Amino acid sequence: MNNVNGLLSIARKAGYVIIGQDNLTDYKKKLYLVLMDKNAGNSLSREMHFLAKKNNIPLLQVEDLEKLVSIKNCKAVGIKNKAISDKIIESLKKGE
């Protein structure tokens, strides 16, 4: 998870992260990845699954998302950079 933490930190500093359910549903440009906390509620879960399916983007569930992005009570984030999202997906699949 350290690698994912670093990638998310870089993405946040570069402005490639959309944080929160409302911001994600209102975002009109291309997203490449949605990360959702495994402890997210049913409403958020349904909304993020719908968003991912509608826009044909991957939705991954992670443990302790708020610790990864260093934002309290963060349950969902979107990544709007293809290269960073690909690296995050690769790191999560490897279990880093």
C-alpha atoms as a PDB file:
ATOM      1  CA  MET A   1       0.000   0.000   0.000  1.00  0.00           C
ATOM      2  CA  ASN A   2       2.994   2.306   0.349  1.00  0.00           C
ATOM      3  CA  ASN A   3       3.309   2.542  -3.419  1.00  0.00           C
ATOM      4  CA  VAL A   4      -0.383   3.426  -3.765  1.00  0.00           C
ATOM      5  CA  ASN A   5      -0.034   6.013  -1.010  1.00  0.00           C
ATOM      6  CA  GLY A   6       2.857   7.645  -2.890  1.00  0.00           C
ATOM      7  CA  LEU A   7       0.991   7.607  -6.196  1.00  0.00           C
ATOM      8  CA  LEU A   8      -2.095   9.166  -4.624  1.00  0.00           C
ATOM      9  CA  SER A   9       0.050  11.805  -2.975  1.00  0.00           C
ATOM     10  CA  ILE A  10       1.631  12.722  -6.307  1.00  0.00           C
ATOM     11  CA  ALA A  11      -1.785  12.760  -7.997  1.00  0.00           C
ATOM     12  CA  ARG A  12      -3.229  15.052  -5.296  1.00  0.00           C
ATOM     13  CA  LYS A  13      -0.350  17.501  -5.557  1.00  0.00           C
ATOM     14  CA  ALA A  14      -0.692  17.570  -9.345  1.00  0.00           C
ATOM     15  CA  GLY A  15      -4.449  18.162  -9.123  1.00  0.00           C
ATOM     16  CA  TYR A  16      -5.484  14.816 -10.622  1.00  0.00           C
ATOM     17  CA  VAL A  17      -7.729  13.684  -7.749  1.00  0.00           C
ATOM     18  CA  ILE A  18     -11.458  14.350  -7.374  1.00  0.00           C
ATOM     19  CA  ILE A  19     -12.497  13.820  -3.751  1.00  0.00           C
ATOM     20  CA  GLY A  20     -15.964  12.906  -2.501  1.00  0.00           C
ATOM     21  CA  GLN A  21     -19.221  11.544  -3.833  1.00  0.00           C
ATOM     22  CA  ASP A  22     -20.767  14.876  -4.809  1.00  0.00           C
ATOM     23  CA  ASN A  23     -17.655  16.061  -6.619  1.00  0.00           C
ATOM     24  CA  LEU A  24     -17.410  12.768  -8.501  1.00  0.00           C
ATOM     25  CA  THR A  25     -21.042  12.746  -9.616  1.00  0.00           C
ATOM     26  CA  ASP A  26     -20.826  16.399 -10.716  1.00  0.00           C
ATOM     27  CA  TYR A  27     -17.502  15.968 -12.563  1.00  0.00           C
ATOM     28  CA  LYS A  28     -18.133  16.124 -16.321  1.00  0.00           C
ATOM     29  CA  LYS A  29     -14.690  15.337 -17.767  1.00  0.00           C
ATOM     30  CA  LYS A  30     -12.966  11.976 -18.225  1.00  0.00           C
ATOM     31  CA  LEU A  31     -12.101   9.887 -15.169  1.00  0.00           C
ATOM     32  CA  TYR A  32      -9.829   6.863 -15.421  1.00  0.00           C
ATOM     33  CA  LEU A  33     -10.296   5.250 -12.013  1.00  0.00           C
ATOM     34  CA  VAL A  34     -12.591   5.416  -9.007  1.00  0.00           C
ATOM     35  CA  LEU A  35     -11.377   4.223  -5.609  1.00  0.00           C
ATOM     36  CA  MET A  36     -13.924   3.519  -2.909  1.00  0.00           C
ATOM     37  CA  ASP A  37     -13.426   2.566   0.740  1.00  0.00           C
ATOM     38  CA  LYS A  38     -14.556  -0.968   1.591  1.00  0.00           C
ATOM     39  CA  ASN A  39     -16.528   0.462   4.528  1.00  0.00           C
ATOM     40  CA  ALA A  40     -18.574   2.816   2.350  1.00  0.00           C
ATOM     41  CA  GLY A  41     -22.331   2.845   2.869  1.00  0.00           C
ATOM     42  CA  ASN A  42     -24.920   1.369   0.523  1.00  0.00           C
ATOM     43  CA  SER A  43     -25.906   4.704  -0.990  1.00  0.00           C
ATOM     44  CA  LEU A  44     -22.328   5.649  -1.858  1.00  0.00           C
ATOM     45  CA  SER A  45     -21.612   2.158  -3.104  1.00  0.00           C
ATOM     46  CA  ARG A  46     -24.610   2.190  -5.464  1.00  0.00           C
ATOM     47  CA  GLU A  47     -23.718   5.660  -6.727  1.00  0.00           C
ATOM     48  CA  MET A  48     -20.075   4.758  -7.416  1.00  0.00           C
ATOM     49  CA  HIS A  49     -21.000   1.473  -9.128  1.00  0.00           C
ATOM     50  CA  PHE A  50     -23.449   3.387 -11.337  1.00  0.00           C
ATOM     51  CA  LEU A  51     -20.840   6.067 -12.111  1.00  0.00           C
ATOM     52  CA  ALA A  52     -18.185   3.494 -12.997  1.00  0.00           C
ATOM     53  CA  LYS A  53     -20.537   1.479 -15.184  1.00  0.00           C
ATOM     54  CA  LYS A  54     -21.951   4.548 -16.952  1.00  0.00           C
ATOM     55  CA  ASN A  55     -18.486   5.905 -17.768  1.00  0.00           C
ATOM     56  CA  ASN A  56     -16.884   2.497 -18.363  1.00  0.00           C
ATOM     57  CA  ILE A  57     -14.102   3.007 -15.810  1.00  0.00           C
ATOM     58  CA  PRO A  58     -12.665   0.655 -13.181  1.00  0.00           C
ATOM     59  CA  LEU A  59     -13.964   0.845  -9.622  1.00  0.00           C
ATOM     60  CA  LEU A  60     -11.660  -0.586  -6.981  1.00  0.00           C
ATOM     61  CA  GLN A  61     -12.397  -0.997  -3.297  1.00  0.00           C
ATOM     62  CA  VAL A  62      -9.535  -0.397  -0.869  1.00  0.00           C
ATOM     63  CA  GLU A  63      -9.052  -0.591   2.883  1.00  0.00           C
ATOM     64  CA  ASP A  64      -8.633   2.702   4.771  1.00  0.00           C
ATOM     65  CA  LEU A  65      -8.928   5.066   1.819  1.00  0.00           C
ATOM     66  CA  GLU A  66      -8.885   8.070   4.146  1.00  0.00           C
ATOM     67  CA  LYS A  67      -5.381   7.079   5.303  1.00  0.00           C
ATOM     68  CA  LEU A  68      -4.183   6.634   1.720  1.00  0.00           C
ATOM     69  CA  VAL A  69      -5.280  10.125   0.674  1.00  0.00           C
ATOM     70  CA  SER A  70      -4.706  11.696   4.110  1.00  0.00           C
ATOM     71  CA  ILE A  71      -8.223  13.156   4.276  1.00  0.00           C
ATOM     72  CA  LYS A  72     -10.549  12.423   7.169  1.00  0.00           C
ATOM     73  CA  ASN A  73     -13.866  10.714   6.290  1.00  0.00           C
ATOM     74  CA  CYS A  74     -12.921  10.266   2.631  1.00  0.00           C
ATOM     75  CA  LYS A  75     -14.846   7.337   1.164  1.00  0.00           C
ATOM     76  CA  ALA A  76     -14.431   7.859  -2.604  1.00  0.00           C
ATOM     77  CA  VAL A  77     -11.913   9.446  -4.961  1.00  0.00           C
ATOM     78  CA  GLY A  78     -11.571   9.655  -8.713  1.00  0.00           C
ATOM     79  CA  ILE A  79      -8.332   9.845 -10.675  1.00  0.00           C
ATOM     80  CA  LYS A  80      -8.269  11.936 -13.844  1.00  0.00           C
ATOM     81  CA  ASN A  81      -4.819  10.938 -15.137  1.00  0.00           C
ATOM     82  CA  LYS A  82      -4.459   7.739 -17.153  1.00  0.00           C
ATOM     83  CA  ALA A  83      -0.824   6.991 -16.330  1.00  0.00           C
ATOM     84  CA  ILE A  84      -1.287   7.398 -12.582  1.00  0.00           C
ATOM     85  CA  SER A  85      -4.517   5.405 -12.582  1.00  0.00           C
ATOM     86  CA  ASP A  86      -2.817   2.566 -14.479  1.00  0.00           C
ATOM     87  CA  LYS A  87       0.032   2.508 -11.940  1.00  0.00           C
ATOM     88  CA  ILE A  88      -2.442   2.477  -9.029  1.00  0.00           C
ATOM     89  CA  ILE A  89      -4.372  -0.417 -10.570  1.00  0.00           C
ATOM     90  CA  GLU A  90      -1.127  -2.311 -11.162  1.00  0.00           C
ATOM     91  CA  SER A  91       0.060  -1.692  -7.582  1.00  0.00           C
ATOM     92  CA  LEU A  92      -3.268  -2.766  -6.064  1.00  0.00           C
ATOM     93  CA  LYS A  93      -3.297  -5.970  -8.105  1.00  0.00           C
ATOM     94  CA  LYS A  94       0.250  -6.780  -6.945  1.00  0.00           C
ATOM     95  CA  GLY A  95      -0.791  -6.014  -3.371  1.00  0.00           C
ATOM     96  CA  GLU A  96       1.821  -3.307  -2.789  1.00  0.00           C
END
